Amino acid sequence: MRARVRAGDRAAFADLYDQNVRAVYRHALRLTGNWSEAEEVVSETFLGAWHTRESVDLDGGSLAPWLLGIATHKAHNANRALRRRLNFLARSPEPRPVEDFADETAGRVDDARHLGLVHDALRRLGRADREVLALCVGAGLDYQQAAEALGVPVGTVRSRLSRARARLAGHSLSAMSRKRREPRGRRGEKESEAAIAALFLQEETR
């Protein structure tokens, strides 16, 4: 697969898309917290992958870490662009009132609330911690694969993930779990990560 993708084999690239598009979309959704932004990130990811296919190393296993690494970068750009748009709108006159679509389905509202909770928890972390947590806990990559996706040493992934767990343990997760504040320490770290992983799992089964 790596050789065929690197050579520009369109059939191989189509297979690569089919095998990984859902994982890329879920990863983008975790990092952007927005369905339409995530869809745009998916498009940008596979377009970027096609344009940079000659950078693929012929040695290695799945190309999922490579794609998720591109998606991570594209999601960061999307978030930055969104902040610029929001800042612009904040300086603009208030828009005219529009119709309130009260018939929005309950399922859609629940999905939006659920996604908001996941994204809010991740947003409490710095970018580097958020990305490694989304890759290792959300996407299920191991340390080596996450390092490949981010282009950093394995030790950096380990330290960032440990830091992310500790910081999650220090944040209140009451909005997600409706429980009391997570205690600090190793037990709190594991329970915090489990809570985030549970939300990711619920997200993927919707």
C-alpha atoms as a PDB file:
ATOM      1  CA  MET A   1       0.000   0.000   0.000  1.00  0.00           C
ATOM      2  CA  ARG A   2       2.760   2.458   0.905  1.00  0.00           C
ATOM      3  CA  ALA A   3       4.580   1.871  -2.377  1.00  0.00           C
ATOM      4  CA  ARG A   4       1.397   2.169  -4.426  1.00  0.00           C
ATOM      5  CA  VAL A   5       0.269   5.348  -2.676  1.00  0.00           C
ATOM      6  CA  ARG A   6       3.695   6.898  -3.042  1.00  0.00           C
ATOM      7  CA  ALA A   7       3.676   6.022  -6.758  1.00  0.00           C
ATOM      8  CA  GLY A   8       0.340   7.791  -7.217  1.00  0.00           C
ATOM      9  CA  ASP A   9      -1.783   4.685  -7.749  1.00  0.00           C
ATOM     10  CA  ARG A  10      -5.323   6.122  -7.713  1.00  0.00           C
ATOM     11  CA  ALA A  11      -6.940   2.776  -6.915  1.00  0.00           C
ATOM     12  CA  ALA A  12      -4.673   2.383  -3.887  1.00  0.00           C
ATOM     13  CA  PHE A  13      -5.484   5.904  -2.779  1.00  0.00           C
ATOM     14  CA  ALA A  14      -9.201   5.175  -3.109  1.00  0.00           C
ATOM     15  CA  ASP A  15      -8.714   2.124  -0.890  1.00  0.00           C
ATOM     16  CA  LEU A  16      -6.763   4.252   1.577  1.00  0.00           C
ATOM     17  CA  TYR A  17      -9.658   6.710   1.678  1.00  0.00           C
ATOM     18  CA  ASP A  18     -12.277   4.009   2.219  1.00  0.00           C
ATOM     19  CA  GLN A  19     -10.275   2.403   5.006  1.00  0.00           C
ATOM     20  CA  ASN A  20      -9.511   5.595   6.917  1.00  0.00           C
ATOM     21  CA  VAL A  21     -12.118   8.268   6.175  1.00  0.00           C
ATOM     22  CA  ARG A  22     -14.249   7.495   9.240  1.00  0.00           C
ATOM     23  CA  ALA A  23     -11.246   7.553  11.586  1.00  0.00           C
ATOM     24  CA  VAL A  24     -10.024  10.836  10.079  1.00  0.00           C
ATOM     25  CA  TYR A  25     -13.489  12.364  10.395  1.00  0.00           C
ATOM     26  CA  ARG A  26     -13.871  11.333  14.041  1.00  0.00           C
ATOM     27  CA  HIS A  27     -10.415  12.695  14.854  1.00  0.00           C
ATOM     28  CA  ALA A  28     -11.199  15.987  13.125  1.00  0.00           C
ATOM     29  CA  LEU A  29     -14.511  16.192  14.964  1.00  0.00           C
ATOM     30  CA  ARG A  30     -12.804  15.768  18.320  1.00  0.00           C
ATOM     31  CA  LEU A  31     -10.330  18.540  17.583  1.00  0.00           C
ATOM     32  CA  THR A  32     -12.741  21.032  15.984  1.00  0.00           C
ATOM     33  CA  GLY A  33     -15.983  20.272  17.807  1.00  0.00           C
ATOM     34  CA  ASN A  34     -17.916  21.148  14.653  1.00  0.00           C
ATOM     35  CA  TRP A  35     -19.439  18.803  12.069  1.00  0.00           C
ATOM     36  CA  SER A  36     -19.010  21.074   9.053  1.00  0.00           C
ATOM     37  CA  GLU A  37     -15.453  22.004  10.048  1.00  0.00           C
ATOM     38  CA  ALA A  38     -14.634  18.322  10.482  1.00  0.00           C
ATOM     39  CA  GLU A  39     -15.920  17.536   7.000  1.00  0.00           C
ATOM     40  CA  GLU A  40     -13.745  20.296   5.596  1.00  0.00           C
ATOM     41  CA  VAL A  41     -10.749  18.935   7.497  1.00  0.00           C
ATOM     42  CA  VAL A  42     -11.358  15.496   5.977  1.00  0.00           C
ATOM     43  CA  SER A  43     -11.339  16.954   2.471  1.00  0.00           C
ATOM     44  CA  GLU A  44      -8.204  18.972   3.186  1.00  0.00           C
ATOM     45  CA  THR A  45      -6.508  15.950   4.765  1.00  0.00           C
ATOM     46  CA  PHE A  46      -6.903  13.640   1.787  1.00  0.00           C
ATOM     47  CA  LEU A  47      -6.088  16.408  -0.669  1.00  0.00           C
ATOM     48  CA  GLY A  48      -2.955  17.153   1.324  1.00  0.00           C
ATOM     49  CA  ALA A  49      -2.125  13.457   1.485  1.00  0.00           C
ATOM     50  CA  TRP A  50      -2.347  13.184  -2.290  1.00  0.00           C
ATOM     51  CA  HIS A  51      -0.115  16.206  -2.804  1.00  0.00           C
ATOM     52  CA  THR A  52       2.492  14.927  -0.325  1.00  0.00           C
ATOM     53  CA  ARG A  53       2.274  11.225  -1.215  1.00  0.00           C
ATOM     54  CA  GLU A  54       5.927  11.145  -2.301  1.00  0.00           C
ATOM     55  CA  SER A  55       6.916  11.809   1.331  1.00  0.00           C
ATOM     56  CA  VAL A  56       5.519   8.413   2.403  1.00  0.00           C
ATOM     57  CA  ASP A  57       8.203   6.117   3.786  1.00  0.00           C
ATOM     58  CA  LEU A  58       8.171   2.743   2.040  1.00  0.00           C
ATOM     59  CA  ASP A  59       8.902   0.995   5.340  1.00  0.00           C
ATOM     60  CA  GLY A  60       6.206   0.766   7.969  1.00  0.00           C
ATOM     61  CA  GLY A  61       2.716  -0.466   8.653  1.00  0.00           C
ATOM     62  CA  SER A  62      -0.629   1.277   8.450  1.00  0.00           C
ATOM     63  CA  LEU A  63      -0.787   4.727   6.911  1.00  0.00           C
ATOM     64  CA  ALA A  64      -3.417   5.813   9.434  1.00  0.00           C
ATOM     65  CA  PRO A  65      -0.871   7.679  11.625  1.00  0.00           C
ATOM     66  CA  TRP A  66       0.320   9.613   8.563  1.00  0.00           C
ATOM     67  CA  LEU A  67      -3.246  10.630   7.702  1.00  0.00           C
ATOM     68  CA  LEU A  68      -4.113  11.532  11.288  1.00  0.00           C
ATOM     69  CA  GLY A  69      -0.984  13.650  11.484  1.00  0.00           C
ATOM     70  CA  ILE A  70      -2.116  15.613   8.440  1.00  0.00           C
ATOM     71  CA  ALA A  71      -5.627  15.878   9.902  1.00  0.00           C
ATOM     72  CA  THR A  72      -4.207  17.207  13.170  1.00  0.00           C
ATOM     73  CA  HIS A  73      -2.446  20.011  11.308  1.00  0.00           C
ATOM     74  CA  LYS A  74      -5.524  20.796   9.191  1.00  0.00           C
ATOM     75  CA  ALA A  75      -7.757  20.865  12.283  1.00  0.00           C
ATOM     76  CA  HIS A  76      -5.403  23.333  13.954  1.00  0.00           C
ATOM     77  CA  ASN A  77      -5.613  25.567  10.893  1.00  0.00           C
ATOM     78  CA  ALA A  78      -9.409  25.258  10.865  1.00  0.00           C
ATOM     79  CA  ASN A  79      -9.631  26.241  14.537  1.00  0.00           C
ATOM     80  CA  ARG A  80      -7.357  29.213  13.951  1.00  0.00           C
ATOM     81  CA  ALA A  81      -9.451  30.351  10.972  1.00  0.00           C
ATOM     82  CA  LEU A  82     -12.630  29.959  13.005  1.00  0.00           C
ATOM     83  CA  ARG A  83     -11.209  32.160  15.774  1.00  0.00           C
ATOM     84  CA  ARG A  84     -10.411  34.826  13.201  1.00  0.00           C
ATOM     85  CA  ARG A  85     -13.966  34.681  11.842  1.00  0.00           C
ATOM     86  CA  LEU A  86     -15.459  34.892  15.314  1.00  0.00           C
ATOM     87  CA  ASN A  87     -13.277  37.874  16.166  1.00  0.00           C
ATOM     88  CA  PHE A  88     -14.407  39.572  12.970  1.00  0.00           C
ATOM     89  CA  LEU A  89     -18.077  38.885  13.724  1.00  0.00           C
ATOM     90  CA  ALA A  90     -17.642  40.198  17.266  1.00  0.00           C
ATOM     91  CA  ARG A  91     -16.604  43.542  15.797  1.00  0.00           C
ATOM     92  CA  SER A  92     -19.492  43.589  13.284  1.00  0.00           C
ATOM     93  CA  PRO A  93     -23.043  44.907  13.866  1.00  0.00           C
ATOM     94  CA  GLU A  94     -25.459  42.367  15.289  1.00  0.00           C
ATOM     95  CA  PRO A  95     -27.294  40.431  12.555  1.00  0.00           C
ATOM     96  CA  ARG A  96     -31.016  40.678  12.080  1.00  0.00           C
ATOM     97  CA  PRO A  97     -33.094  38.112  14.029  1.00  0.00           C
ATOM     98  CA  VAL A  98     -33.740  34.879  12.177  1.00  0.00           C
ATOM     99  CA  GLU A  99     -36.371  32.226  12.568  1.00  0.00           C
ATOM    100  CA  ASP A 100     -35.946  29.905  15.527  1.00  0.00           C
ATOM    101  CA  PHE A 101     -35.996  26.346  14.195  1.00  0.00           C
ATOM    102  CA  ALA A 102     -37.793  24.836  17.166  1.00  0.00           C
ATOM    103  CA  ASP A 103     -38.498  21.587  15.328  1.00  0.00           C
ATOM    104  CA  GLU A 104     -34.837  20.518  15.500  1.00  0.00           C
ATOM    105  CA  THR A 105     -34.807  16.838  16.397  1.00  0.00           C
ATOM    106  CA  ALA A 106     -34.000  15.746  19.924  1.00  0.00           C
ATOM    107  CA  GLY A 107     -31.345  13.374  18.646  1.00  0.00           C
ATOM    108  CA  ARG A 108     -29.484  16.177  16.910  1.00  0.00           C
ATOM    109  CA  VAL A 109     -29.599  18.287  20.067  1.00  0.00           C
ATOM    110  CA  ASP A 110     -28.273  15.399  22.138  1.00  0.00           C
ATOM    111  CA  ASP A 111     -25.477  14.808  19.627  1.00  0.00           C
ATOM    112  CA  ALA A 112     -24.516  18.481  19.704  1.00  0.00           C
ATOM    113  CA  ARG A 113     -24.528  18.509  23.510  1.00  0.00           C
ATOM    114  CA  HIS A 114     -22.429  15.356  23.661  1.00  0.00           C
ATOM    115  CA  LEU A 115     -19.902  16.715  21.161  1.00  0.00           C
ATOM    116  CA  GLY A 116     -19.764  19.957  23.102  1.00  0.00           C
ATOM    117  CA  LEU A 117     -18.886  18.126  26.293  1.00  0.00           C
ATOM    118  CA  VAL A 118     -16.083  16.193  24.613  1.00  0.00           C
ATOM    119  CA  HIS A 119     -14.688  19.276  22.943  1.00  0.00           C
ATOM    120  CA  ASP A 120     -14.970  21.362  26.112  1.00  0.00           C
ATOM    121  CA  ALA A 121     -12.923  18.797  28.019  1.00  0.00           C
ATOM    122  CA  LEU A 122     -10.240  18.779  25.331  1.00  0.00           C
ATOM    123  CA  ARG A 123     -10.262  22.559  25.015  1.00  0.00           C
ATOM    124  CA  ARG A 124      -9.139  22.834  28.635  1.00  0.00           C
ATOM    125  CA  LEU A 125      -5.803  21.392  27.557  1.00  0.00           C
ATOM    126  CA  GLY A 126      -3.038  23.013  25.537  1.00  0.00           C
ATOM    127  CA  ARG A 127      -2.808  22.203  21.846  1.00  0.00           C
ATOM    128  CA  ALA A 128       0.022  19.667  22.178  1.00  0.00           C
ATOM    129  CA  ASP A 129      -1.693  17.813  25.034  1.00  0.00           C
ATOM    130  CA  ARG A 130      -5.061  17.894  23.264  1.00  0.00           C
ATOM    131  CA  GLU A 131      -3.636  16.433  20.070  1.00  0.00           C
ATOM    132  CA  VAL A 132      -1.763  13.576  21.722  1.00  0.00           C
ATOM    133  CA  LEU A 133      -4.798  12.678  23.845  1.00  0.00           C
ATOM    134  CA  ALA A 134      -7.055  12.658  20.775  1.00  0.00           C
ATOM    135  CA  LEU A 135      -4.596  10.405  18.945  1.00  0.00           C
ATOM    136  CA  CYS A 136      -3.791   7.964  21.752  1.00  0.00           C
ATOM    137  CA  VAL A 137      -7.127   7.789  23.571  1.00  0.00           C
ATOM    138  CA  GLY A 138      -9.556   8.846  20.877  1.00  0.00           C
ATOM    139  CA  ALA A 139      -7.989   7.296  17.767  1.00  0.00           C
ATOM    140  CA  GLY A 140      -6.343   4.427  19.660  1.00  0.00           C
ATOM    141  CA  LEU A 141      -2.817   4.925  18.307  1.00  0.00           C
ATOM    142  CA  ASP A 142       0.107   3.549  20.260  1.00  0.00           C
ATOM    143  CA  TYR A 143       3.066   5.731  21.264  1.00  0.00           C
ATOM    144  CA  GLN A 144       5.056   4.952  18.114  1.00  0.00           C
ATOM    145  CA  GLN A 145       2.117   5.655  15.794  1.00  0.00           C
ATOM    146  CA  ALA A 146       1.255   8.897  17.582  1.00  0.00           C
ATOM    147  CA  ALA A 147       4.894   9.957  17.322  1.00  0.00           C
ATOM    148  CA  GLU A 148       4.758   9.273  13.586  1.00  0.00           C
ATOM    149  CA  ALA A 149       1.529  11.254  13.246  1.00  0.00           C
ATOM    150  CA  LEU A 150       2.910  14.279  15.080  1.00  0.00           C
ATOM    151  CA  GLY A 151       6.487  14.060  13.838  1.00  0.00           C
ATOM    152  CA  VAL A 152       7.933  14.011  17.351  1.00  0.00           C
ATOM    153  CA  PRO A 153       9.991  11.488  19.368  1.00  0.00           C
ATOM    154  CA  VAL A 154       8.186   8.683  21.204  1.00  0.00           C
ATOM    155  CA  GLY A 155       9.405  10.102  24.510  1.00  0.00           C
ATOM    156  CA  THR A 156       7.670  13.376  23.730  1.00  0.00           C
ATOM    157  CA  VAL A 157       4.395  11.537  23.142  1.00  0.00           C
ATOM    158  CA  ARG A 158       4.776   9.744  26.465  1.00  0.00           C
ATOM    159  CA  SER A 159       5.462  12.951  28.388  1.00  0.00           C
ATOM    160  CA  ARG A 160       2.641  14.858  26.686  1.00  0.00           C
ATOM    161  CA  LEU A 161       0.138  12.075  27.340  1.00  0.00           C
ATOM    162  CA  SER A 162       1.187  11.855  30.978  1.00  0.00           C
ATOM    163  CA  ARG A 163       0.840  15.619  31.302  1.00  0.00           C
ATOM    164  CA  ALA A 164      -2.562  15.569  29.595  1.00  0.00           C
ATOM    165  CA  ARG A 165      -3.806  12.874  31.984  1.00  0.00           C
ATOM    166  CA  ALA A 166      -2.593  14.820  34.992  1.00  0.00           C
ATOM    167  CA  ARG A 167      -4.200  18.031  33.778  1.00  0.00           C
ATOM    168  CA  LEU A 168      -7.478  16.285  33.049  1.00  0.00           C
ATOM    169  CA  ALA A 169      -7.421  14.898  36.560  1.00  0.00           C
ATOM    170  CA  GLY A 170      -7.095  18.453  37.850  1.00  0.00           C
ATOM    171  CA  HIS A 171     -10.120  19.705  35.899  1.00  0.00           C
ATOM    172  CA  SER A 172     -13.703  19.283  36.958  1.00  0.00           C
ATOM    173  CA  LEU A 173     -15.524  16.716  34.819  1.00  0.00           C
ATOM    174  CA  SER A 174     -18.863  17.274  36.511  1.00  0.00           C
ATOM    175  CA  ALA A 175     -20.401  18.589  33.301  1.00  0.00           C
ATOM    176  CA  MET A 176     -19.713  15.264  31.619  1.00  0.00           C
ATOM    177  CA  SER A 177     -20.023  12.680  34.362  1.00  0.00           C
ATOM    178  CA  ARG A 178     -22.336  14.563  36.788  1.00  0.00           C
ATOM    179  CA  LYS A 179     -20.040  13.403  39.551  1.00  0.00           C
ATOM    180  CA  ARG A 180     -17.933  15.222  42.052  1.00  0.00           C
ATOM    181  CA  ARG A 181     -14.606  16.758  41.090  1.00  0.00           C
ATOM    182  CA  GLU A 182     -12.007  14.187  40.106  1.00  0.00           C
ATOM    183  CA  PRO A 183      -9.378  13.620  42.835  1.00  0.00           C
ATOM    184  CA  ARG A 184      -5.776  14.301  42.029  1.00  0.00           C
ATOM    185  CA  GLY A 185      -3.225  11.548  41.752  1.00  0.00           C
ATOM    186  CA  ARG A 186      -2.880   8.419  39.662  1.00  0.00           C
ATOM    187  CA  ARG A 187      -6.424   7.196  40.314  1.00  0.00           C
ATOM    188  CA  GLY A 188      -7.807  10.538  39.212  1.00  0.00           C
ATOM    189  CA  GLU A 189      -5.678  10.434  36.072  1.00  0.00           C
ATOM    190  CA  LYS A 190      -7.001   7.034  35.052  1.00  0.00           C
ATOM    191  CA  GLU A 191     -10.613   7.902  35.827  1.00  0.00           C
ATOM    192  CA  SER A 192     -10.331  11.166  33.908  1.00  0.00           C
ATOM    193  CA  GLU A 193      -8.908   9.389  30.881  1.00  0.00           C
ATOM    194  CA  ALA A 194     -11.593   6.715  31.166  1.00  0.00           C
ATOM    195  CA  ALA A 195     -14.275   9.396  31.162  1.00  0.00           C
ATOM    196  CA  ILE A 196     -12.881  10.965  27.995  1.00  0.00           C
ATOM    197  CA  ALA A 197     -12.465   7.568  26.353  1.00  0.00           C
ATOM    198  CA  ALA A 198     -16.061   6.717  27.240  1.00  0.00           C
ATOM    199  CA  LEU A 199     -17.257   9.894  25.575  1.00  0.00           C
ATOM    200  CA  PHE A 200     -15.202   9.069  22.482  1.00  0.00           C
ATOM    201  CA  LEU A 201     -16.736   5.594  22.395  1.00  0.00           C
ATOM    202  CA  GLN A 202     -20.248   6.998  22.657  1.00  0.00           C
ATOM    203  CA  GLU A 203     -19.419   9.448  19.883  1.00  0.00           C
ATOM    204  CA  GLU A 204     -18.306   6.656  17.540  1.00  0.00           C
ATOM    205  CA  THR A 205     -21.442   4.574  18.105  1.00  0.00           C
ATOM    206  CA  ARG A 206     -23.914   7.371  17.348  1.00  0.00           C
END
